[in-house]
Amino acid sequence: MAVDDDLFFSRIRDRVAIVGIGHLPFAKDIGRPIADTAVEAIQRALDDAGLAAEDVDGMSMLEMEATHEVSIARRLGVRNLRWWDKISYGGGASCATVMHAAAAIAAGLATTVVCHRARNRGAKTSRPWSQERVLVRDDKALHVPWGLIRPVDVIGMWAHRHMHEFGTTREHFGNVAIAARKHAQRNPFALMRDRPLDMATYLSGRVVGYPLHLYDCCLESDGALACVVTSVERARDLRQKPALVHSVAQASGPNPVHLANYNNTPTMETTSRFCAEILWRRSQLGPADMDCAQIYDAFTPLVIMGLEDYGFCKRGEGGPFTEGGRIELGGALPVLTSGGGLSEAYVHGFNLIVEAVRQIRGTSTGQVAGCKATLVTGASGVATSALVLRGE
C-alpha cells in the first residue's frame, strides 16, 4: 500500500538546507583513526557554515562507523545532543543521512544536524573479502559459497546480464570511467587527477571480475567528510549559499538480496528504481530538470543502470546514453563532476553529496554553468537512498 507522505515532505521540500561542507584530503592510507578524522571533517564543515559545535544538537552517520555519536559529540564540544541515528547498508546510506537530518529538523527534533562518513579502507588488508576467512551470514549465504565473494564478482553478474539483455558494451562502461577521470583531472582533491585515461587504456585493463576490468572499479581509499543541515530560515543568516534539500527518499524494493538480486526481474530493475519512484513523487522537479547528476559509481555499470533507474533514459538505453560525450562536462547530463568513486575517492558516496553542494554554490572544479538542481544517488543493489538539491 502506498504511503501518503506528501504533507510531511512538503515541510522538508526547500525548507531545509545543507549549509556547510568539509572533508580531509583523500589518501590511500590516511594514517589516523576515524574518530580523529571524523571530528576534523565535522569541524571543517561547521567552519564552512560559520557555526560552532555549540550550535549542533543532532547527528546522523553510517552504521559502518566504528565510532559512536555521543563520543564524537563530546570531542567536538557539543553541549546537548538531543537527536541521533545511524544508517545501514554502506553505499546506500549517505543520502539517507541527509534525509534523516532533514526529517528531524522538520519534525522539531533537532535544529542543526551534522552528517558524516569517515572511512579507513584503503589498505588491502582492511577489506573484508581479503581476509583468509569470509564470514557467511544472512543473504550472503546465497552467493558467497559459489565464489561470488567480492562486490565486483556480484556486480559483474549484473553487468554481464545487462550486456546480454540490451547489447551494452565494454565501451559504454568505458565512457563512464573516462568521464569520471576527465572530471577528476580538474579536481585538486582527486586521487587520480594526474593519471589520464583513454579508451585504449581502459580496454587494456586487467580483468578483476569478468566482465569488469581494472578501470570499471572504484578506488579503495581513506577519507572523512561531513555536511551541516539546518532550516532555510537559519541558513539565510549563515556564511554560504544554501543548497536546498528539495526531495529525499529511501527504498529497498522487493526481495532485496544484498547486491545480488541480478535475477530479480526480467527488466533488471535495481533497488534504485524503487527509490527513484518515491524521490520523484515527492519532488516538484524531474529528471529533465537536473543540470548534472552524481550517480553512485562503485562500478561503471551502476552508473549506466542509474541513468535508467532514475528516468534519464529508458530501460536498456543507459549504454548508448553515454556516447558522444553526453555525460561529460558540456554534455547533456554531466555525471560525477568531481571524479566520483572511480577517480576522486571512494567513501561510500558521501563525496557525491559534497560535490552536489559545490555545484549548487557554483564552486565546483567541474562546474556546470548555471547549475540550479542536481541529483545524488546511493548504491544500486542494496537498500538505498537519493536526494535532489537545488538553489534558492
Protein backbone atom coordinates (compact mmCIF):
# COMPACT_ATOMS: atom_id res chain seq x y z
CA MET A 1 0.00 0.00 0.00
CA ALA A 2 1.39 3.40 -0.98
CA VAL A 3 2.05 5.82 1.86
CA ASP A 4 0.65 9.33 1.53
CA ASP A 5 3.65 11.30 2.75
CA ASP A 6 3.12 14.46 0.69
CA LEU A 7 2.08 16.54 3.70
CA PHE A 8 5.13 15.73 5.79
CA PHE A 9 7.59 16.07 2.92
CA SER A 10 6.11 19.42 2.00
CA ARG A 11 7.61 20.52 5.33
CA ILE A 12 11.03 19.39 4.12
CA ARG A 13 10.92 20.42 0.45
CA ASP A 14 13.07 23.54 0.02
CA ARG A 15 12.71 24.36 3.73
CA VAL A 16 15.83 22.55 4.93
CA ALA A 17 19.32 23.14 3.52
CA ILE A 18 22.91 21.95 3.59
CA VAL A 19 24.86 24.97 4.79
CA GLY A 20 28.36 23.63 5.41
CA ILE A 21 30.65 21.00 3.91
CA GLY A 22 34.10 19.78 4.86
CA HIS A 23 36.50 16.97 4.15
CA LEU A 24 40.08 15.94 4.73
CA PRO A 25 42.48 15.18 1.87
CA PHE A 26 41.77 11.71 0.48
CA ALA A 27 44.51 9.13 0.83
CA LYS A 28 45.43 5.52 0.29
CA ASP A 29 46.35 5.40 3.96
CA ILE A 30 45.35 8.43 5.98
CA GLY A 31 47.36 7.21 8.97
CA ARG A 32 44.87 8.35 11.61
CA PRO A 33 41.92 6.73 13.44
CA ILE A 34 38.49 7.52 12.02
CA ALA A 35 37.44 9.06 15.35
CA ASP A 36 40.08 11.76 14.76
CA THR A 37 39.31 12.32 11.09
CA ALA A 38 35.55 12.40 11.67
CA VAL A 39 35.88 15.15 14.25
CA GLU A 40 38.13 17.23 12.00
CA ALA A 41 35.84 16.84 8.97
CA ILE A 42 32.86 17.99 11.04
CA GLN A 43 34.84 20.93 12.37
CA ARG A 44 35.68 21.95 8.80
CA ALA A 45 32.02 21.73 7.80
CA LEU A 46 30.97 23.85 10.76
CA ASP A 47 33.65 26.43 9.96
CA ASP A 48 32.45 26.48 6.36
CA ALA A 49 28.92 27.26 7.56
CA GLY A 50 30.01 29.82 10.15
CA LEU A 51 28.69 27.69 13.00
CA ALA A 52 30.22 26.21 16.14
CA ALA A 53 29.91 22.88 17.91
CA GLU A 54 27.62 24.55 20.45
CA ASP A 55 25.07 25.03 17.66
CA VAL A 56 24.83 21.30 16.92
CA ASP A 57 22.06 19.24 18.50
CA GLY A 58 21.73 16.34 16.04
CA MET A 59 23.94 13.82 14.26
CA SER A 60 23.41 11.24 11.53
CA MET A 61 26.11 8.83 10.40
CA LEU A 62 26.67 5.47 8.71
CA GLU A 63 26.22 2.29 10.71
CA MET A 64 29.55 1.07 9.33
CA GLU A 65 31.40 3.56 11.56
CA ALA A 66 33.46 2.14 14.42
CA THR A 67 32.63 5.26 16.42
CA HIS A 68 29.58 6.44 18.33
CA GLU A 69 27.60 9.66 18.07
CA VAL A 70 27.96 10.69 21.69
CA SER A 71 31.73 10.19 21.70
CA ILE A 72 32.09 12.28 18.53
CA ALA A 73 29.82 14.95 20.02
CA ARG A 74 31.84 15.03 23.24
CA ARG A 75 35.10 15.53 21.36
CA LEU A 76 33.54 18.27 19.25
CA GLY A 77 32.20 20.13 22.29
CA VAL A 78 28.50 19.67 21.55
CA ARG A 79 26.57 20.78 24.62
CA ASN A 80 23.50 18.60 24.25
CA LEU A 81 22.99 16.06 21.51
CA ARG A 82 19.23 15.53 21.52
CA TRP A 83 18.71 13.53 18.31
CA TRP A 84 20.93 10.98 16.53
CA ASP A 85 20.82 7.91 14.33
CA LYS A 86 22.86 5.53 12.19
CA ILE A 87 22.00 4.38 8.66
CA SER A 88 22.80 0.89 7.40
CA TYR A 89 23.75 -0.58 4.00
CA GLY A 90 27.04 1.12 3.23
CA GLY A 91 26.87 2.75 -0.18
CA GLY A 92 23.09 3.04 0.09
CA ALA A 93 23.28 5.17 3.22
CA SER A 94 24.97 8.51 2.52
CA CYS A 95 21.96 10.36 1.09
CA ALA A 96 19.81 8.86 3.84
CA THR A 97 21.84 10.68 6.49
CA VAL A 98 20.67 13.95 4.94
CA MET A 99 17.11 12.66 4.66
CA HIS A 100 17.02 11.73 8.33
CA ALA A 101 18.59 15.03 9.33
CA ALA A 102 16.03 16.95 7.27
CA ALA A 103 13.15 14.94 8.74
CA ALA A 104 14.41 15.55 12.29
CA ILE A 105 14.59 19.30 11.65
CA ALA A 106 11.14 19.39 10.03
CA ALA A 107 9.68 17.45 12.98
CA GLY A 108 11.28 19.78 15.53
CA LEU A 109 13.52 17.07 16.97
CA ALA A 110 16.71 19.00 16.18
CA THR A 111 17.73 22.37 14.76
CA THR A 112 21.24 21.76 13.39
CA VAL A 113 22.38 18.29 12.37
CA VAL A 114 25.82 17.15 11.21
CA CYS A 115 26.07 14.16 8.88
CA HIS A 116 29.39 12.47 8.25
CA ARG A 117 31.30 9.48 6.93
CA ALA A 118 34.83 8.58 8.00
CA ARG A 119 36.39 5.54 6.35
CA ASN A 120 39.73 3.75 6.58
CA ARG A 121 39.66 1.04 3.95
CA GLY A 122 42.43 1.96 1.54
CA ALA A 123 44.80 -0.74 2.76
CA LYS A 124 44.23 -4.12 1.14
CA THR A 125 44.24 -5.92 4.48
CA SER A 126 41.30 -3.84 5.70
CA ARG A 127 38.87 -5.19 3.08
CA PRO A 128 36.58 -7.93 4.38
CA TRP A 129 36.95 -10.14 1.30
CA SER A 130 40.76 -10.02 1.55
CA GLN A 131 40.72 -11.93 4.82
CA GLU A 132 41.56 -15.63 4.96
CA ARG A 133 38.02 -16.48 6.03
CA VAL A 134 34.96 -14.63 4.79
CA LEU A 135 32.02 -14.55 7.18
CA VAL A 136 28.95 -16.07 5.54
CA ARG A 137 25.72 -14.93 7.09
CA ASP A 138 22.28 -13.65 6.18
CA ASP A 139 21.68 -13.39 2.43
CA LYS A 140 25.40 -13.65 1.65
CA ALA A 141 24.92 -17.38 2.09
CA LEU A 142 23.03 -17.32 -1.21
CA HIS A 143 26.12 -16.42 -3.24
CA VAL A 144 29.40 -16.48 -1.27
CA PRO A 145 29.72 -20.30 -1.19
CA TRP A 146 29.60 -20.30 -5.00
CA GLY A 147 32.51 -17.90 -5.39
CA LEU A 148 30.68 -14.57 -5.60
CA ILE A 149 32.63 -13.13 -2.67
CA ARG A 150 33.68 -9.60 -3.60
CA PRO A 151 31.24 -6.86 -4.64
CA VAL A 152 32.92 -6.87 -8.07
CA ASP A 153 32.01 -10.54 -8.51
CA VAL A 154 28.34 -9.88 -7.91
CA ILE A 155 28.12 -6.63 -9.87
CA GLY A 156 29.94 -8.40 -12.68
CA MET A 157 26.91 -10.69 -12.94
CA TRP A 158 24.68 -7.63 -13.22
CA ALA A 159 26.91 -6.19 -15.91
CA HIS A 160 27.06 -9.44 -17.87
CA ARG A 161 23.28 -9.74 -17.88
CA HIS A 162 22.85 -6.10 -18.95
CA MET A 163 25.19 -6.76 -21.86
CA HIS A 164 23.21 -9.87 -22.79
CA GLU A 165 19.76 -8.28 -22.44
CA PHE A 166 20.41 -4.92 -24.05
CA GLY A 167 23.60 -5.07 -26.09
CA THR A 168 25.56 -2.89 -23.67
CA THR A 169 29.29 -2.92 -24.48
CA ARG A 170 32.54 -2.51 -22.61
CA GLU A 171 32.96 0.77 -24.48
CA HIS A 172 29.79 2.02 -22.80
CA PHE A 173 31.28 1.19 -19.42
CA GLY A 174 34.48 2.86 -20.58
CA ASN A 175 32.62 6.08 -21.34
CA VAL A 176 31.68 6.29 -17.66
CA ALA A 177 35.23 5.67 -16.44
CA ILE A 178 36.69 8.19 -18.90
CA ALA A 179 34.15 10.91 -18.00
CA ALA A 180 34.90 10.47 -14.29
CA ARG A 181 38.65 10.63 -14.93
CA LYS A 182 38.36 13.78 -17.07
CA HIS A 183 36.43 15.49 -14.31
CA ALA A 184 38.89 14.30 -11.66
CA GLN A 185 41.76 15.89 -13.58
CA ARG A 186 40.19 19.28 -12.82
CA ASN A 187 39.85 18.48 -9.12
CA PRO A 188 42.87 19.11 -6.87
CA PHE A 189 41.46 16.74 -4.23
CA ALA A 190 41.05 13.77 -6.60
CA LEU A 191 43.40 10.84 -6.10
CA MET A 192 43.56 10.14 -9.86
CA ARG A 193 43.91 13.72 -11.12
CA ASP A 194 47.36 13.13 -12.62
CA ARG A 195 46.53 9.93 -14.50
CA PRO A 196 44.66 10.44 -17.78
CA LEU A 197 42.51 7.65 -19.17
CA ASP A 198 41.59 6.95 -22.78
CA MET A 199 39.56 4.15 -24.31
CA ALA A 200 42.59 2.10 -25.39
CA THR A 201 43.97 2.19 -21.85
CA TYR A 202 40.56 1.39 -20.42
CA LEU A 203 40.07 -1.63 -22.68
CA SER A 204 43.53 -3.00 -21.87
CA GLY A 205 42.94 -3.01 -18.11
CA ARG A 206 43.33 -6.35 -16.36
CA VAL A 207 40.25 -8.41 -15.53
CA VAL A 208 39.08 -8.04 -11.93
CA GLY A 209 35.68 -9.78 -12.07
CA TYR A 210 34.54 -10.52 -15.61
CA PRO A 211 33.28 -8.56 -17.48
CA LEU A 212 34.59 -5.83 -15.18
CA HIS A 213 38.20 -4.76 -15.58
CA LEU A 214 40.51 -2.51 -13.58
CA TYR A 215 39.04 0.84 -14.61
CA ASP A 216 35.47 -0.31 -14.02
CA CYS A 217 36.16 -0.44 -10.28
CA CYS A 218 36.13 2.34 -7.73
CA LEU A 219 39.18 3.30 -5.73
CA GLU A 220 39.86 1.92 -2.27
CA SER A 221 40.65 4.97 -0.21
CA ASP A 222 40.55 6.58 3.21
CA GLY A 223 38.64 9.77 3.81
CA ALA A 224 36.41 11.77 6.14
CA LEU A 225 33.63 14.11 5.03
CA ALA A 226 30.77 15.98 6.68
CA CYS A 227 27.90 18.31 5.96
CA VAL A 228 25.74 20.53 8.15
CA VAL A 229 21.95 20.62 7.76
CA THR A 230 19.60 23.24 9.19
CA SER A 231 16.44 25.19 8.35
CA VAL A 232 16.38 27.57 5.40
CA GLU A 233 15.40 30.42 7.71
CA ARG A 234 18.57 29.95 9.70
CA ALA A 235 20.61 29.22 6.57
CA ARG A 236 19.99 32.72 5.20
CA ASP A 237 21.96 34.19 8.11
CA LEU A 238 24.97 31.94 7.60
CA ARG A 239 28.18 32.15 5.60
CA GLN A 240 27.44 30.08 2.50
CA LYS A 241 24.79 29.94 -0.19
CA PRO A 242 22.38 27.20 0.99
CA ALA A 243 21.82 24.05 -1.04
CA LEU A 244 18.13 23.38 -0.54
CA VAL A 245 17.04 19.82 0.17
CA HIS A 246 14.25 19.55 -2.39
CA SER A 247 13.46 15.83 -2.31
CA VAL A 248 14.73 12.79 -0.42
CA ALA A 249 13.93 9.08 -0.41
CA GLN A 250 14.95 5.65 0.82
CA ALA A 251 13.84 2.31 -0.63
CA SER A 252 14.76 -1.36 -0.72
CA GLY A 253 12.39 -2.75 -3.35
CA PRO A 254 11.02 -6.31 -3.16
CA ASN A 255 13.19 -9.26 -2.11
CA PRO A 256 16.40 -7.24 -1.72
CA VAL A 257 19.24 -9.77 -1.64
CA HIS A 258 22.26 -7.69 -0.76
CA LEU A 259 23.94 -6.71 -4.07
CA ALA A 260 22.90 -9.98 -5.66
CA ASN A 261 19.32 -9.81 -6.97
CA TYR A 262 20.55 -9.62 -10.56
CA ASN A 263 17.91 -12.23 -11.42
CA ASN A 264 15.13 -10.38 -9.59
CA THR A 265 13.16 -9.05 -12.55
CA PRO A 266 13.17 -9.56 -16.31
CA THR A 267 13.83 -5.85 -16.81
CA MET A 268 16.75 -5.63 -14.36
CA GLU A 269 15.15 -3.14 -12.03
CA THR A 270 17.51 -2.42 -9.15
CA THR A 271 16.66 -1.05 -5.73
CA SER A 272 17.29 2.39 -7.21
CA ARG A 273 14.21 2.13 -9.43
CA PHE A 274 12.01 1.93 -6.34
CA CYS A 275 13.91 4.76 -4.67
CA ALA A 276 13.53 6.90 -7.80
CA GLU A 277 9.78 6.39 -7.83
CA ILE A 278 9.48 7.81 -4.32
CA LEU A 279 12.04 10.57 -4.92
CA TRP A 280 10.31 11.99 -7.99
CA ARG A 281 6.85 11.64 -6.42
CA ARG A 282 7.98 13.88 -3.56
CA SER A 283 9.64 16.32 -5.94
CA GLN A 284 8.35 19.22 -7.98
CA LEU A 285 11.24 18.61 -10.38
CA GLY A 286 12.02 15.67 -12.65
CA PRO A 287 14.97 14.10 -14.44
CA ALA A 288 14.79 16.69 -17.23
CA ASP A 289 15.32 19.47 -14.66
CA MET A 290 18.66 18.09 -13.40
CA ASP A 291 21.67 20.07 -14.61
CA CYS A 292 24.03 17.28 -13.59
CA ALA A 293 23.91 14.02 -11.66
CA GLN A 294 26.15 12.43 -9.06
CA ILE A 295 25.25 8.76 -9.65
CA TYR A 296 26.80 6.24 -7.31
CA ASP A 297 29.76 4.66 -9.04
CA ALA A 298 31.35 1.83 -7.12
CA PHE A 299 31.43 0.20 -10.57
CA THR A 300 30.81 1.68 -14.01
CA PRO A 301 27.70 -0.44 -14.79
CA LEU A 302 25.94 1.07 -11.78
CA VAL A 303 26.05 4.49 -13.46
CA ILE A 304 24.50 3.10 -16.65
CA MET A 305 21.78 1.37 -14.66
CA GLY A 306 21.33 4.50 -12.55
CA LEU A 307 20.64 6.55 -15.67
CA GLU A 308 17.86 4.09 -16.43
CA ASP A 309 16.51 3.68 -12.90
CA TYR A 310 16.25 7.44 -12.29
CA GLY A 311 14.50 8.09 -15.58
CA PHE A 312 17.11 9.82 -17.73
CA CYS A 313 16.55 7.18 -20.39
CA LYS A 314 14.52 4.02 -20.96
CA ARG A 315 15.49 0.59 -19.68
CA GLY A 316 18.33 -0.76 -21.79
CA GLU A 317 19.31 2.66 -23.18
CA GLY A 318 21.83 3.56 -20.49
CA GLY A 319 24.78 2.37 -22.57
CA PRO A 320 24.01 4.48 -25.67
CA PHE A 321 23.18 7.42 -23.37
CA THR A 322 26.90 7.66 -22.50
CA GLU A 323 28.04 8.05 -26.10
CA GLY A 324 29.36 11.22 -27.74
CA GLY A 325 30.48 12.94 -24.52
CA ARG A 326 26.92 13.20 -23.29
CA ILE A 327 27.88 12.54 -19.65
CA GLU A 328 30.95 14.78 -19.69
CA LEU A 329 31.15 18.49 -18.91
CA GLY A 330 29.47 20.32 -21.78
CA GLY A 331 27.24 17.31 -22.48
CA ALA A 332 23.53 16.90 -21.91
CA LEU A 333 23.94 15.44 -18.41
CA PRO A 334 27.40 15.67 -16.83
CA VAL A 335 27.85 12.95 -14.22
CA LEU A 336 30.42 12.52 -11.43
CA THR A 337 31.68 16.05 -11.88
CA SER A 338 34.35 15.69 -9.18
CA GLY A 339 35.52 12.28 -10.41
CA GLY A 340 33.31 10.25 -8.08
CA GLY A 341 34.30 6.97 -6.51
CA LEU A 342 36.04 5.93 -9.71
CA SER A 343 38.59 8.75 -9.78
CA GLU A 344 38.20 11.18 -6.83
CA ALA A 345 37.89 8.82 -3.84
CA TYR A 346 35.62 6.06 -2.61
CA VAL A 347 33.93 6.93 0.68
CA HIS A 348 30.55 5.25 0.18
CA GLY A 349 29.25 8.14 -1.90
CA PHE A 350 29.49 10.92 0.68
CA ASN A 351 31.82 12.82 -1.65
CA LEU A 352 28.95 12.89 -4.16
CA ILE A 353 26.89 14.91 -1.67
CA VAL A 354 29.76 17.34 -1.10
CA GLU A 355 30.19 17.76 -4.86
CA ALA A 356 26.45 18.37 -5.33
CA VAL A 357 26.61 21.20 -2.78
CA ARG A 358 29.55 22.72 -4.63
CA GLN A 359 27.59 22.58 -7.87
CA ILE A 360 24.68 24.48 -6.28
CA ARG A 361 27.09 27.03 -4.82
CA GLY A 362 28.87 27.41 -8.17
CA THR A 363 32.27 26.46 -6.70
CA SER A 364 32.96 23.05 -8.24
CA THR A 365 36.17 22.49 -10.18
CA GLY A 366 33.92 20.76 -12.71
CA GLN A 367 31.25 23.42 -12.54
CA VAL A 368 28.17 23.09 -14.72
CA ALA A 369 27.28 26.61 -15.78
CA GLY A 370 24.14 27.90 -14.09
CA CYS A 371 23.55 24.68 -12.14
CA LYS A 372 20.20 25.03 -10.37
CA ALA A 373 19.44 21.40 -9.47
CA THR A 374 21.35 18.15 -9.15
CA LEU A 375 20.63 14.55 -8.26
CA VAL A 376 22.69 12.47 -5.83
CA THR A 377 22.14 8.71 -5.59
CA GLY A 378 23.20 5.86 -3.37
CA ALA A 379 24.24 2.37 -4.39
CA SER A 380 22.07 0.15 -6.54
CA GLY A 381 21.64 -3.42 -5.38
CA VAL A 382 21.34 -2.57 -1.69
CA ALA A 383 18.69 -0.75 0.31
CA THR A 384 19.44 2.72 -0.96
CA SER A 385 18.70 6.43 -0.84
CA ALA A 386 18.80 9.54 -3.04
CA LEU A 387 18.29 13.28 -2.86
CA VAL A 388 17.73 16.29 -5.08
CA LEU A 389 19.47 19.55 -4.16
CA ARG A 390 18.56 22.90 -5.68
CA GLY A 391 19.47 26.54 -5.29
CA GLU A 392 17.19 29.27 -3.98
